[in-house]
Amino acid sequence: QIQLVESGGGLVQAGGSLKLSCAASGPTYVMGWFRQAPGKERQFVAAVEWSGNRPSYGDSVKGRFTITNSGNSVYLQMNSLEPDDTAVYYCAAGRNSRPNYAPLSAYEWWGQGTLVTVSS
């Protein structure tokens, strides 16, 4: 069983930046970030394989967010934040290679979430 611990959420003004971190208790094949705003479905944000290969992003964050990894940790640098980015951000990890890391089903383990609030 892999435990995931997120950190780095908080309150930021629109146009600002924030960096999220997630530490896994053991090695995984892929790590990613999802977000869920109140009343909405959980949405894919970004993912990266353990080797650093195949970083992928959701359409709404491309060009603004960057995912990186180091060892058993993954990071999400969020720039040019907008009020619509307000959500609980969840770290996720999976044990297998997949052709597409956007589906929730690609991940076996989930963190508890960290809240990101972007004020206008």
PDB file of N, CA and C in Angstrom:
ATOM      1  N   GLN A   1       0.836  -1.182   0.000  1.00  0.00           N
ATOM      2  CA  GLN A   1       0.000   0.000   0.000  1.00  0.00           C
ATOM      3  C   GLN A   1       0.882   1.247   0.000  1.00  0.00           C
ATOM      4  N   ILE A   2       0.609   2.160  -0.917  1.00  0.00           N
ATOM      5  CA  ILE A   2       1.363   3.405  -1.029  1.00  0.00           C
ATOM      6  C   ILE A   2       0.575   4.526  -0.369  1.00  0.00           C
ATOM      7  N   GLN A   3       1.236   5.281   0.471  1.00  0.00           N
ATOM      8  CA  GLN A   3       0.632   6.493   1.036  1.00  0.00           C
ATOM      9  C   GLN A   3       1.153   7.714   0.298  1.00  0.00           C
ATOM     10  N   LEU A   4       0.255   8.660   0.058  1.00  0.00           N
ATOM     11  CA  LEU A   4       0.602   9.905  -0.618  1.00  0.00           C
ATOM     12  C   LEU A   4       0.284  11.071   0.300  1.00  0.00           C
ATOM     13  N   VAL A   5       1.229  11.981   0.438  1.00  0.00           N
ATOM     14  CA  VAL A   5       1.029  13.146   1.296  1.00  0.00           C
ATOM     15  C   VAL A   5       1.273  14.408   0.485  1.00  0.00           C
ATOM     16  N   GLU A   6       0.234  15.222   0.357  1.00  0.00           N
ATOM     17  CA  GLU A   6       0.330  16.472  -0.400  1.00  0.00           C
ATOM     18  C   GLU A   6       0.634  17.638   0.529  1.00  0.00           C
ATOM     19  N   SER A   7       1.237  18.664  -0.040  1.00  0.00           N
ATOM     20  CA  SER A   7       1.461  19.908   0.683  1.00  0.00           C
ATOM     21  C   SER A   7       1.552  21.045  -0.323  1.00  0.00           C
ATOM     22  N   GLY A   8       1.411  22.272   0.180  1.00  0.00           N
ATOM     23  CA  GLY A   8       1.619  23.439  -0.664  1.00  0.00           C
ATOM     24  C   GLY A   8       0.374  24.211  -1.050  1.00  0.00           C
ATOM     25  N   GLY A   9      -0.794  23.717  -0.684  1.00  0.00           N
ATOM     26  CA  GLY A   9      -2.006  24.456  -1.023  1.00  0.00           C
ATOM     27  C   GLY A   9      -2.109  25.741  -0.215  1.00  0.00           C
ATOM     28  N   GLY A  10      -3.044  26.594  -0.615  1.00  0.00           N
ATOM     29  CA  GLY A  10      -3.252  27.837   0.104  1.00  0.00           C
ATOM     30  C   GLY A  10      -4.051  28.825  -0.688  1.00  0.00           C
ATOM     31  N   LEU A  11      -4.008  30.064  -0.226  1.00  0.00           N
ATOM     32  CA  LEU A  11      -4.748  31.154  -0.857  1.00  0.00           C
ATOM     33  C   LEU A  11      -3.776  32.025  -1.648  1.00  0.00           C
ATOM     34  N   VAL A  12      -4.144  32.330  -2.885  1.00  0.00           N
ATOM     35  CA  VAL A  12      -3.292  33.159  -3.735  1.00  0.00           C
ATOM     36  C   VAL A  12      -4.184  34.054  -4.587  1.00  0.00           C
ATOM     37  N   GLN A  13      -3.680  35.206  -4.950  1.00  0.00           N
ATOM     38  CA  GLN A  13      -4.437  36.106  -5.811  1.00  0.00           C
ATOM     39  C   GLN A  13      -4.333  35.675  -7.269  1.00  0.00           C
ATOM     40  N   ALA A  14      -5.323  36.041  -8.046  1.00  0.00           N
ATOM     41  CA  ALA A  14      -5.296  35.738  -9.475  1.00  0.00           C
ATOM     42  C   ALA A  14      -4.027  36.314 -10.103  1.00  0.00           C
ATOM     43  N   GLY A  15      -3.425  35.505 -10.967  1.00  0.00           N
ATOM     44  CA  GLY A  15      -2.171  35.889 -11.592  1.00  0.00           C
ATOM     45  C   GLY A  15      -0.948  35.417 -10.835  1.00  0.00           C
ATOM     46  N   GLY A  16      -1.153  34.934  -9.626  1.00  0.00           N
ATOM     47  CA  GLY A  16      -0.055  34.479  -8.799  1.00  0.00           C
ATOM     48  C   GLY A  16       0.350  33.043  -9.083  1.00  0.00           C
ATOM     49  N   SER A  17       1.287  32.558  -8.277  1.00  0.00           N
ATOM     50  CA  SER A  17       1.839  31.210  -8.448  1.00  0.00           C
ATOM     51  C   SER A  17       1.789  30.441  -7.142  1.00  0.00           C
ATOM     52  N   LEU A  18       1.792  29.131  -7.285  1.00  0.00           N
ATOM     53  CA  LEU A  18       1.788  28.239  -6.135  1.00  0.00           C
ATOM     54  C   LEU A  18       2.429  26.934  -6.572  1.00  0.00           C
ATOM     55  N   LYS A  19       3.115  26.265  -5.660  1.00  0.00           N
ATOM     56  CA  LYS A  19       3.725  24.977  -5.990  1.00  0.00           C
ATOM     57  C   LYS A  19       3.235  23.920  -5.023  1.00  0.00           C
ATOM     58  N   LEU A  20       2.681  22.863  -5.576  1.00  0.00           N
ATOM     59  CA  LEU A  20       2.221  21.732  -4.786  1.00  0.00           C
ATOM     60  C   LEU A  20       3.267  20.631  -4.787  1.00  0.00           C
ATOM     61  N   SER A  21       3.349  19.908  -3.687  1.00  0.00           N
ATOM     62  CA  SER A  21       4.263  18.781  -3.568  1.00  0.00           C
ATOM     63  C   SER A  21       3.494  17.552  -3.109  1.00  0.00           C
ATOM     64  N   CYS A  22       3.966  16.401  -3.520  1.00  0.00           N
ATOM     65  CA  CYS A  22       3.360  15.145  -3.096  1.00  0.00           C
ATOM     66  C   CYS A  22       4.474  14.126  -2.920  1.00  0.00           C
ATOM     67  N   ALA A  23       4.524  13.533  -1.745  1.00  0.00           N
ATOM     68  CA  ALA A  23       5.528  12.517  -1.458  1.00  0.00           C
ATOM     69  C   ALA A  23       4.862  11.161  -1.322  1.00  0.00           C
ATOM     70  N   ALA A  24       5.380  10.183  -2.053  1.00  0.00           N
ATOM     71  CA  ALA A  24       4.874   8.817  -1.963  1.00  0.00           C
ATOM     72  C   ALA A  24       5.752   7.998  -1.026  1.00  0.00           C
ATOM     73  N   SER A  25       5.134   7.049  -0.354  1.00  0.00           N
ATOM     74  CA  SER A  25       5.876   6.235   0.609  1.00  0.00           C
ATOM     75  C   SER A  25       6.711   5.145  -0.058  1.00  0.00           C
ATOM     76  N   GLY A  26       6.543   4.955  -1.361  1.00  0.00           N
ATOM     77  CA  GLY A  26       7.312   3.968  -2.096  1.00  0.00           C
ATOM     78  C   GLY A  26       7.302   4.270  -3.573  1.00  0.00           C
ATOM     79  N   PRO A  27       8.002   3.491  -4.366  1.00  0.00           N
ATOM     80  CA  PRO A  27       8.070   3.762  -5.810  1.00  0.00           C
ATOM     81  C   PRO A  27       6.767   3.443  -6.526  1.00  0.00           C
ATOM     82  N   THR A  28       6.466   4.242  -7.518  1.00  0.00           N
ATOM     83  CA  THR A  28       5.290   4.031  -8.353  1.00  0.00           C
ATOM     84  C   THR A  28       5.683   4.247  -9.808  1.00  0.00           C
ATOM     85  N   TYR A  29       4.821   3.854 -10.738  1.00  0.00           N
ATOM     86  CA  TYR A  29       5.155   4.036 -12.146  1.00  0.00           C
ATOM     87  C   TYR A  29       4.790   5.428 -12.639  1.00  0.00           C
ATOM     88  N   VAL A  30       3.668   5.917 -12.206  1.00  0.00           N
ATOM     89  CA  VAL A  30       3.198   7.225 -12.654  1.00  0.00           C
ATOM     90  C   VAL A  30       2.615   7.974 -11.472  1.00  0.00           C
ATOM     91  N   MET A  31       2.814   9.289 -11.470  1.00  0.00           N
ATOM     92  CA  MET A  31       2.184  10.141 -10.474  1.00  0.00           C
ATOM     93  C   MET A  31       1.507  11.293 -11.183  1.00  0.00           C
ATOM     94  N   GLY A  32       0.388  11.718 -10.621  1.00  0.00           N
ATOM     95  CA  GLY A  32      -0.367  12.763 -11.282  1.00  0.00           C
ATOM     96  C   GLY A  32      -1.119  13.632 -10.286  1.00  0.00           C
ATOM     97  N   TRP A  33      -1.752  14.634 -10.842  1.00  0.00           N
ATOM     98  CA  TRP A  33      -2.570  15.556 -10.072  1.00  0.00           C
ATOM     99  C   TRP A  33      -3.955  15.645 -10.705  1.00  0.00           C
ATOM    100  N   PHE A  34      -4.950  15.646  -9.857  1.00  0.00           N
ATOM    101  CA  PHE A  34      -6.329  15.892 -10.243  1.00  0.00           C
ATOM    102  C   PHE A  34      -6.858  17.009  -9.358  1.00  0.00           C
ATOM    103  N   ARG A  35      -7.973  17.586  -9.759  1.00  0.00           N
ATOM    104  CA  ARG A  35      -8.597  18.607  -8.928  1.00  0.00           C
ATOM    105  C   ARG A  35     -10.113  18.454  -8.980  1.00  0.00           C
ATOM    106  N   GLN A  36     -10.732  18.910  -7.906  1.00  0.00           N
ATOM    107  CA  GLN A  36     -12.185  18.829  -7.824  1.00  0.00           C
ATOM    108  C   GLN A  36     -12.723  20.093  -7.170  1.00  0.00           C
ATOM    109  N   ALA A  37     -13.508  20.823  -7.942  1.00  0.00           N
ATOM    110  CA  ALA A  37     -14.168  22.016  -7.438  1.00  0.00           C
ATOM    111  C   ALA A  37     -15.533  21.620  -6.880  1.00  0.00           C
ATOM    112  N   PRO A  38     -16.102  22.429  -6.003  1.00  0.00           N
ATOM    113  CA  PRO A  38     -17.402  22.100  -5.413  1.00  0.00           C
ATOM    114  C   PRO A  38     -18.463  21.860  -6.479  1.00  0.00           C
ATOM    115  N   GLY A  39     -19.155  20.735  -6.365  1.00  0.00           N
ATOM    116  CA  GLY A  39     -20.232  20.430  -7.290  1.00  0.00           C
ATOM    117  C   GLY A  39     -19.790  19.938  -8.643  1.00  0.00           C
ATOM    118  N   LYS A  40     -18.489  19.727  -8.817  1.00  0.00           N
ATOM    119  CA  LYS A  40     -17.971  19.278 -10.111  1.00  0.00           C
ATOM    120  C   LYS A  40     -17.252  17.940  -9.977  1.00  0.00           C
ATOM    121  N   GLU A  41     -17.062  17.283 -11.114  1.00  0.00           N
ATOM    122  CA  GLU A  41     -16.356  16.010 -11.123  1.00  0.00           C
ATOM    123  C   GLU A  41     -14.848  16.240 -10.962  1.00  0.00           C
ATOM    124  N   ARG A  42     -14.179  15.200 -10.504  1.00  0.00           N
ATOM    125  CA  ARG A  42     -12.726  15.265 -10.393  1.00  0.00           C
ATOM    126  C   ARG A  42     -12.132  15.336 -11.803  1.00  0.00           C
ATOM    127  N   GLN A  43     -11.194  16.253 -11.972  1.00  0.00           N
ATOM    128  CA  GLN A  43     -10.671  16.592 -13.294  1.00  0.00           C
ATOM    129  C   GLN A  43      -9.168  16.344 -13.363  1.00  0.00           C
ATOM    130  N   PHE A  44      -8.722  15.759 -14.454  1.00  0.00           N
ATOM    131  CA  PHE A  44      -7.298  15.522 -14.666  1.00  0.00           C
ATOM    132  C   PHE A  44      -6.555  16.842 -14.838  1.00  0.00           C
ATOM    133  N   VAL A  45      -5.414  16.968 -14.159  1.00  0.00           N
ATOM    134  CA  VAL A  45      -4.587  18.165 -14.281  1.00  0.00           C
ATOM    135  C   VAL A  45      -3.277  17.853 -14.988  1.00  0.00           C
ATOM    136  N   ALA A  46      -2.530  16.884 -14.467  1.00  0.00           N
ATOM    137  CA  ALA A  46      -1.231  16.574 -15.059  1.00  0.00           C
ATOM    138  C   ALA A  46      -0.735  15.238 -14.532  1.00  0.00           C
ATOM    139  N   ALA A  47       0.183  14.623 -15.281  1.00  0.00           N
ATOM    140  CA  ALA A  47       0.783  13.366 -14.860  1.00  0.00           C
ATOM    141  C   ALA A  47       2.166  13.225 -15.471  1.00  0.00           C
ATOM    142  N   VAL A  48       2.988  12.408 -14.820  1.00  0.00           N
ATOM    143  CA  VAL A  48       4.327  12.144 -15.337  1.00  0.00           C
ATOM    144  C   VAL A  48       4.765  10.764 -14.886  1.00  0.00           C
ATOM    145  N   GLU A  49       5.475  10.051 -15.758  1.00  0.00           N
ATOM    146  CA  GLU A  49       5.989   8.731 -15.416  1.00  0.00           C
ATOM    147  C   GLU A  49       7.224   8.861 -14.530  1.00  0.00           C
ATOM    148  N   TRP A  50       7.572   7.785 -13.839  1.00  0.00           N
ATOM    149  CA  TRP A  50       8.664   7.833 -12.868  1.00  0.00           C
ATOM    150  C   TRP A  50       9.982   8.277 -13.502  1.00  0.00           C
ATOM    151  N   SER A  51      10.157   7.986 -14.802  1.00  0.00           N
ATOM    152  CA  SER A  51      11.391   8.357 -15.487  1.00  0.00           C
ATOM    153  C   SER A  51      11.410   9.828 -15.894  1.00  0.00           C
ATOM    154  N   GLY A  52      10.291  10.500 -15.701  1.00  0.00           N
ATOM    155  CA  GLY A  52      10.177  11.875 -16.180  1.00  0.00           C
ATOM    156  C   GLY A  52       9.618  11.961 -17.580  1.00  0.00           C
ATOM    157  N   ASN A  53       9.409  10.797 -18.179  1.00  0.00           N
ATOM    158  CA  ASN A  53       8.883  10.776 -19.543  1.00  0.00           C
ATOM    159  C   ASN A  53       7.381  11.022 -19.582  1.00  0.00           C
ATOM    160  N   ARG A  54       6.930  11.397 -20.764  1.00  0.00           N
ATOM    161  CA  ARG A  54       5.505  11.538 -21.066  1.00  0.00           C
ATOM    162  C   ARG A  54       4.756  12.427 -20.109  1.00  0.00           C
ATOM    163  N   PRO A  55       5.236  13.641 -19.796  1.00  0.00           N
ATOM    164  CA  PRO A  55       4.386  14.545 -19.027  1.00  0.00           C
ATOM    165  C   PRO A  55       3.140  14.883 -19.845  1.00  0.00           C
ATOM    166  N   SER A  56       2.011  14.903 -19.198  1.00  0.00           N
ATOM    167  CA  SER A  56       0.765  15.216 -19.889  1.00  0.00           C
ATOM    168  C   SER A  56      -0.044  16.179 -19.033  1.00  0.00           C
ATOM    169  N   TYR A  57      -0.882  16.976 -19.708  1.00  0.00           N
ATOM    170  CA  TYR A  57      -1.627  18.026 -19.045  1.00  0.00           C
ATOM    171  C   TYR A  57      -3.068  18.080 -19.535  1.00  0.00           C
ATOM    172  N   GLY A  58      -3.940  18.494 -18.627  1.00  0.00           N
ATOM    173  CA  GLY A  58      -5.298  18.797 -19.035  1.00  0.00           C
ATOM    174  C   GLY A  58      -5.321  20.073 -19.853  1.00  0.00           C
ATOM    175  N   ASP A  59      -6.283  20.192 -20.731  1.00  0.00           N
ATOM    176  CA  ASP A  59      -6.339  21.335 -21.639  1.00  0.00           C
ATOM    177  C   ASP A  59      -6.401  22.669 -20.899  1.00  0.00           C
ATOM    178  N   SER A  60      -7.078  22.704 -19.781  1.00  0.00           N
ATOM    179  CA  SER A  60      -7.293  23.978 -19.092  1.00  0.00           C
ATOM    180  C   SER A  60      -6.044  24.505 -18.386  1.00  0.00           C
ATOM    181  N   VAL A  61      -5.015  23.671 -18.264  1.00  0.00           N
ATOM    182  CA  VAL A  61      -3.808  24.115 -17.544  1.00  0.00           C
ATOM    183  C   VAL A  61      -2.570  24.145 -18.420  1.00  0.00           C
ATOM    184  N   LYS A  62      -2.684  23.704 -19.658  1.00  0.00           N
ATOM    185  CA  LYS A  62      -1.517  23.683 -20.547  1.00  0.00           C
ATOM    186  C   LYS A  62      -0.930  25.076 -20.696  1.00  0.00           C
ATOM    187  N   GLY A  63       0.396  25.147 -20.588  1.00  0.00           N
ATOM    188  CA  GLY A  63       1.083  26.416 -20.718  1.00  0.00           C
ATOM    189  C   GLY A  63       1.163  27.207 -19.431  1.00  0.00           C
ATOM    190  N   ARG A  64       0.413  26.794 -18.407  1.00  0.00           N
ATOM    191  CA  ARG A  64       0.439  27.505 -17.116  1.00  0.00           C
ATOM    192  C   ARG A  64       0.994  26.639 -15.989  1.00  0.00           C
ATOM    193  N   PHE A  65       0.740  25.352 -16.046  1.00  0.00           N
ATOM    194  CA  PHE A  65       1.182  24.424 -15.002  1.00  0.00           C
ATOM    195  C   PHE A  65       2.310  23.548 -15.542  1.00  0.00           C
ATOM    196  N   THR A  66       3.235  23.166 -14.637  1.00  0.00           N
ATOM    197  CA  THR A  66       4.330  22.282 -15.006  1.00  0.00           C
ATOM    198  C   THR A  66       4.470  21.195 -13.951  1.00  0.00           C
ATOM    199  N   ILE A  67       4.496  19.947 -14.397  1.00  0.00           N
ATOM    200  CA  ILE A  67       4.678  18.831 -13.483  1.00  0.00           C
ATOM    201  C   ILE A  67       6.107  18.320 -13.592  1.00  0.00           C
ATOM    202  N   THR A  68       6.708  18.061 -12.443  1.00  0.00           N
ATOM    203  CA  THR A  68       8.051  17.493 -12.398  1.00  0.00           C
ATOM    204  C   THR A  68       8.079  16.434 -11.301  1.00  0.00           C
ATOM    205  N   ASN A  69       9.127  15.619 -11.341  1.00  0.00           N
ATOM    206  CA  ASN A  69       9.250  14.619 -10.293  1.00  0.00           C
ATOM    207  C   ASN A  69      10.700  14.447  -9.890  1.00  0.00           C
ATOM    208  N   SER A  70      10.888  13.883  -8.705  1.00  0.00           N
ATOM    209  CA  SER A  70      12.218  13.597  -8.195  1.00  0.00           C
ATOM    210  C   SER A  70      12.082  12.472  -7.178  1.00  0.00           C
ATOM    211  N   GLY A  71      12.713  11.345  -7.465  1.00  0.00           N
ATOM    212  CA  GLY A  71      12.553  10.204  -6.582  1.00  0.00           C
ATOM    213  C   GLY A  71      11.101   9.785  -6.489  1.00  0.00           C
ATOM    214  N   ASN A  72      10.584   9.662  -5.280  1.00  0.00           N
ATOM    215  CA  ASN A  72       9.188   9.276  -5.081  1.00  0.00           C
ATOM    216  C   ASN A  72       8.273  10.477  -4.868  1.00  0.00           C
ATOM    217  N   SER A  73       8.689  11.631  -5.297  1.00  0.00           N
ATOM    218  CA  SER A  73       7.884  12.843  -5.135  1.00  0.00           C
ATOM    219  C   SER A  73       7.532  13.444  -6.479  1.00  0.00           C
ATOM    220  N   VAL A  74       6.400  14.134  -6.491  1.00  0.00           N
ATOM    221  CA  VAL A  74       5.960  14.843  -7.688  1.00  0.00           C
ATOM    222  C   VAL A  74       5.569  16.256  -7.277  1.00  0.00           C
ATOM    223  N   TYR A  75       5.773  17.193  -8.193  1.00  0.00           N
ATOM    224  CA  TYR A  75       5.520  18.595  -7.915  1.00  0.00           C
ATOM    225  C   TYR A  75       4.658  19.185  -9.024  1.00  0.00           C
ATOM    226  N   LEU A  76       3.876  20.172  -8.648  1.00  0.00           N
ATOM    227  CA  LEU A  76       3.057  20.877  -9.629  1.00  0.00           C
ATOM    228  C   LEU A  76       3.270  22.368  -9.441  1.00  0.00           C
ATOM    229  N   GLN A  77       3.994  22.966 -10.379  1.00  0.00           N
ATOM    230  CA  GLN A  77       4.195  24.405 -10.368  1.00  0.00           C
ATOM    231  C   GLN A  77       3.031  25.041 -11.117  1.00  0.00           C
ATOM    232  N   MET A  78       2.297  25.887 -10.433  1.00  0.00           N
ATOM    233  CA  MET A  78       1.112  26.509 -11.020  1.00  0.00           C
ATOM    234  C   MET A  78       1.349  28.005 -11.148  1.00  0.00           C
ATOM    235  N   ASN A  79       1.347  28.488 -12.370  1.00  0.00           N
ATOM    236  CA  ASN A  79       1.552  29.903 -12.654  1.00  0.00           C
ATOM    237  C   ASN A  79       0.297  30.498 -13.288  1.00  0.00           C
ATOM    238  N   SER A  80       0.235  31.804 -13.279  1.00  0.00           N
ATOM    239  CA  SER A  80      -0.894  32.527 -13.888  1.00  0.00           C
ATOM    240  C   SER A  80      -2.223  31.955 -13.401  1.00  0.00           C
ATOM    241  N   LEU A  81      -2.333  31.789 -12.107  1.00  0.00           N
ATOM    242  CA  LEU A  81      -3.528  31.168 -11.550  1.00  0.00           C
ATOM    243  C   LEU A  81      -4.763  32.037 -11.762  1.00  0.00           C
ATOM    244  N   GLU A  82      -5.878  31.354 -11.970  1.00  0.00           N
ATOM    245  CA  GLU A  82      -7.163  32.003 -12.219  1.00  0.00           C
ATOM    246  C   GLU A  82      -8.166  31.539 -11.172  1.00  0.00           C
ATOM    247  N   PRO A  83      -9.204  32.319 -10.928  1.00  0.00           N
ATOM    248  CA  PRO A  83     -10.220  31.875  -9.959  1.00  0.00           C
ATOM    249  C   PRO A  83     -10.797  30.498 -10.288  1.00  0.00           C
ATOM    250  N   ASP A  84     -10.882  30.160 -11.573  1.00  0.00           N
ATOM    251  CA  ASP A  84     -11.405  28.845 -11.958  1.00  0.00           C
ATOM    252  C   ASP A  84     -10.470  27.697 -11.575  1.00  0.00           C
ATOM    253  N   ASP A  85      -9.263  28.009 -11.150  1.00  0.00           N
ATOM    254  CA  ASP A  85      -8.341  26.971 -10.677  1.00  0.00           C
ATOM    255  C   ASP A  85      -8.623  26.589  -9.227  1.00  0.00           C
ATOM    256  N   THR A  86      -9.514  27.298  -8.579  1.00  0.00           N
ATOM    257  CA  THR A  86      -9.873  26.994  -7.200  1.00  0.00           C
ATOM    258  C   THR A  86     -10.480  25.606  -7.104  1.00  0.00           C
ATOM    259  N   ALA A  87      -9.881  24.770  -6.253  1.00  0.00           N
ATOM    260  CA  ALA A  87     -10.331  23.384  -6.116  1.00  0.00           C
ATOM    261  C   ALA A  87      -9.506  22.701  -5.040  1.00  0.00           C
ATOM    262  N   VAL A  88      -9.944  21.509  -4.680  1.00  0.00           N
ATOM    263  CA  VAL A  88      -9.090  20.624  -3.894  1.00  0.00           C
ATOM    264  C   VAL A  88      -8.245  19.842  -4.897  1.00  0.00           C
ATOM    265  N   TYR A  89      -6.954  19.869  -4.705  1.00  0.00           N
ATOM    266  CA  TYR A  89      -6.028  19.184  -5.596  1.00  0.00           C
ATOM    267  C   TYR A  89      -5.583  17.871  -4.956  1.00  0.00           C
ATOM    268  N   TYR A  90      -5.715  16.801  -5.722  1.00  0.00           N
ATOM    269  CA  TYR A  90      -5.387  15.468  -5.243  1.00  0.00           C
ATOM    270  C   TYR A  90      -4.185  14.909  -5.984  1.00  0.00           C
ATOM    271  N   CYS A  91      -3.270  14.360  -5.232  1.00  0.00           N
ATOM    272  CA  CYS A  91      -2.166  13.610  -5.808  1.00  0.00           C
ATOM    273  C   CYS A  91      -2.624  12.172  -6.022  1.00  0.00           C
ATOM    274  N   ALA A  92      -2.172  11.569  -7.122  1.00  0.00           N
ATOM    275  CA  ALA A  92      -2.530  10.196  -7.429  1.00  0.00           C
ATOM    276  C   ALA A  92      -1.297   9.451  -7.935  1.00  0.00           C
ATOM    277  N   ALA A  93      -1.288   8.145  -7.728  1.00  0.00           N
ATOM    278  CA  ALA A  93      -0.166   7.331  -8.195  1.00  0.00           C
ATOM    279  C   ALA A  93      -0.673   6.006  -8.738  1.00  0.00           C
ATOM    280  N   GLY A  94       0.013   5.516  -9.758  1.00  0.00           N
ATOM    281  CA  GLY A  94      -0.368   4.262 -10.374  1.00  0.00           C
ATOM    282  C   GLY A  94       0.817   3.340 -10.527  1.00  0.00           C
ATOM    283  N   ARG A  95       0.551   2.048 -10.645  1.00  0.00           N
ATOM    284  CA  ARG A  95       1.634   1.063 -10.706  1.00  0.00           C
ATOM    285  C   ARG A  95       1.961   0.629 -12.131  1.00  0.00           C
ATOM    286  N   ASN A  96       1.127   0.989 -13.107  1.00  0.00           N
ATOM    287  CA  ASN A  96       1.320   0.473 -14.456  1.00  0.00           C
ATOM    288  C   ASN A  96       1.402   1.571 -15.504  1.00  0.00           C
ATOM    289  N   SER A  97       2.073   1.249 -16.608  1.00  0.00           N
ATOM    290  CA  SER A  97       2.065   2.132 -17.764  1.00  0.00           C
ATOM    291  C   SER A  97       0.703   2.065 -18.440  1.00  0.00           C
ATOM    292  N   ARG A  98       0.219   3.211 -18.890  1.00  0.00           N
ATOM    293  CA  ARG A  98      -1.065   3.294 -19.581  1.00  0.00           C
ATOM    294  C   ARG A  98      -0.885   4.152 -20.823  1.00  0.00           C
ATOM    295  N   PRO A  99      -1.725   3.943 -21.829  1.00  0.00           N
ATOM    296  CA  PRO A  99      -1.658   4.827 -22.999  1.00  0.00           C
ATOM    297  C   PRO A  99      -2.158   6.237 -22.700  1.00  0.00           C
ATOM    298  N   ASN A 100      -2.962   6.368 -21.649  1.00  0.00           N
ATOM    299  CA  ASN A 100      -3.560   7.651 -21.309  1.00  0.00           C
ATOM    300  C   ASN A 100      -3.682   7.742 -19.789  1.00  0.00           C
ATOM    301  N   TYR A 101      -3.120   8.803 -19.232  1.00  0.00           N
ATOM    302  CA  TYR A 101      -3.135   8.936 -17.768  1.00  0.00           C
ATOM    303  C   TYR A 101      -4.226   9.879 -17.274  1.00  0.00           C
ATOM    304  N   ALA A 102      -5.120  10.305 -18.146  1.00  0.00           N
ATOM    305  CA  ALA A 102      -6.205  11.192 -17.723  1.00  0.00           C
ATOM    306  C   ALA A 102      -7.305  10.493 -16.928  1.00  0.00           C
ATOM    307  N   PRO A 103      -7.634   9.254 -17.227  1.00  0.00           N
ATOM    308  CA  PRO A 103      -8.730   8.619 -16.471  1.00  0.00           C
ATOM    309  C   PRO A 103      -8.359   8.335 -15.022  1.00  0.00           C
ATOM    310  N   LEU A 104      -9.342   8.465 -14.135  1.00  0.00           N
ATOM    311  CA  LEU A 104      -9.117   8.147 -12.719  1.00  0.00           C
ATOM    312  C   LEU A 104      -8.692   6.694 -12.552  1.00  0.00           C
ATOM    313  N   SER A 105      -9.165   5.832 -13.448  1.00  0.00           N
ATOM    314  CA  SER A 105      -8.894   4.399 -13.334  1.00  0.00           C
ATOM    315  C   SER A 105      -7.426   4.050 -13.563  1.00  0.00           C
ATOM    316  N   ALA A 106      -6.614   5.002 -14.022  1.00  0.00           N
ATOM    317  CA  ALA A 106      -5.186   4.750 -14.235  1.00  0.00           C
ATOM    318  C   ALA A 106      -4.404   4.747 -12.926  1.00  0.00           C
ATOM    319  N   TYR A 107      -5.068   5.075 -11.813  1.00  0.00           N
ATOM    320  CA  TYR A 107      -4.380   5.263 -10.539  1.00  0.00           C
ATOM    321  C   TYR A 107      -4.945   4.357  -9.454  1.00  0.00           C
ATOM    322  N   GLU A 108      -4.058   3.786  -8.668  1.00  0.00           N
ATOM    323  CA  GLU A 108      -4.464   2.914  -7.563  1.00  0.00           C
ATOM    324  C   GLU A 108      -4.478   3.632  -6.219  1.00  0.00           C
ATOM    325  N   TRP A 109      -3.704   4.695  -6.097  1.00  0.00           N
ATOM    326  CA  TRP A 109      -3.552   5.348  -4.794  1.00  0.00           C
ATOM    327  C   TRP A 109      -3.839   6.837  -4.898  1.00  0.00           C
ATOM    328  N   TRP A 110      -4.410   7.370  -3.847  1.00  0.00           N
ATOM    329  CA  TRP A 110      -4.818   8.772  -3.809  1.00  0.00           C
ATOM    330  C   TRP A 110      -4.438   9.421  -2.492  1.00  0.00           C
ATOM    331  N   GLY A 111      -4.069  10.696  -2.579  1.00  0.00           N
ATOM    332  CA  GLY A 111      -3.834  11.468  -1.379  1.00  0.00           C
ATOM    333  C   GLY A 111      -5.122  12.041  -0.827  1.00  0.00           C
ATOM    334  N   GLN A 112      -5.010  12.745   0.289  1.00  0.00           N
ATOM    335  CA  GLN A 112      -6.183  13.314   0.954  1.00  0.00           C
ATOM    336  C   GLN A 112      -6.625  14.628   0.336  1.00  0.00           C
ATOM    337  N   GLY A 113      -5.765  15.257  -0.412  1.00  0.00           N
ATOM    338  CA  GLY A 113      -6.128  16.511  -1.072  1.00  0.00           C
ATOM    339  C   GLY A 113      -5.613  17.732  -0.334  1.00  0.00           C
ATOM    340  N   THR A 114      -5.349  18.777  -1.097  1.00  0.00           N
ATOM    341  CA  THR A 114      -4.932  20.051  -0.531  1.00  0.00           C
ATOM    342  C   THR A 114      -5.706  21.148  -1.254  1.00  0.00           C
ATOM    343  N   LEU A 115      -6.210  22.105  -0.499  1.00  0.00           N
ATOM    344  CA  LEU A 115      -7.078  23.129  -1.059  1.00  0.00           C
ATOM    345  C   LEU A 115      -6.269  24.278  -1.647  1.00  0.00           C
ATOM    346  N   VAL A 116      -6.624  24.642  -2.867  1.00  0.00           N
ATOM    347  CA  VAL A 116      -6.055  25.809  -3.531  1.00  0.00           C
ATOM    348  C   VAL A 116      -7.196  26.782  -3.795  1.00  0.00           C
ATOM    349  N   THR A 117      -7.047  27.984  -3.288  1.00  0.00           N
ATOM    350  CA  THR A 117      -8.059  29.022  -3.477  1.00  0.00           C
ATOM    351  C   THR A 117      -7.421  30.204  -4.189  1.00  0.00           C
ATOM    352  N   VAL A 118      -8.006  30.588  -5.320  1.00  0.00           N
ATOM    353  CA  VAL A 118      -7.499  31.723  -6.092  1.00  0.00           C
ATOM    354  C   VAL A 118      -8.534  32.830  -6.031  1.00  0.00           C
ATOM    355  N   SER A 119      -8.142  33.943  -5.448  1.00  0.00           N
ATOM    356  CA  SER A 119      -9.069  35.065  -5.301  1.00  0.00           C
ATOM    357  C   SER A 119      -8.939  36.019  -6.482  1.00  0.00           C
ATOM    358  N   SER A 120     -10.063  36.632  -6.844  1.00  0.00           N
ATOM    359  CA  SER A 120     -10.063  37.550  -7.996  1.00  0.00           C
ATOM    360  C   SER A 120      -9.719  38.965  -7.577  1.00  0.00           C
TER     361      SER A 120
END
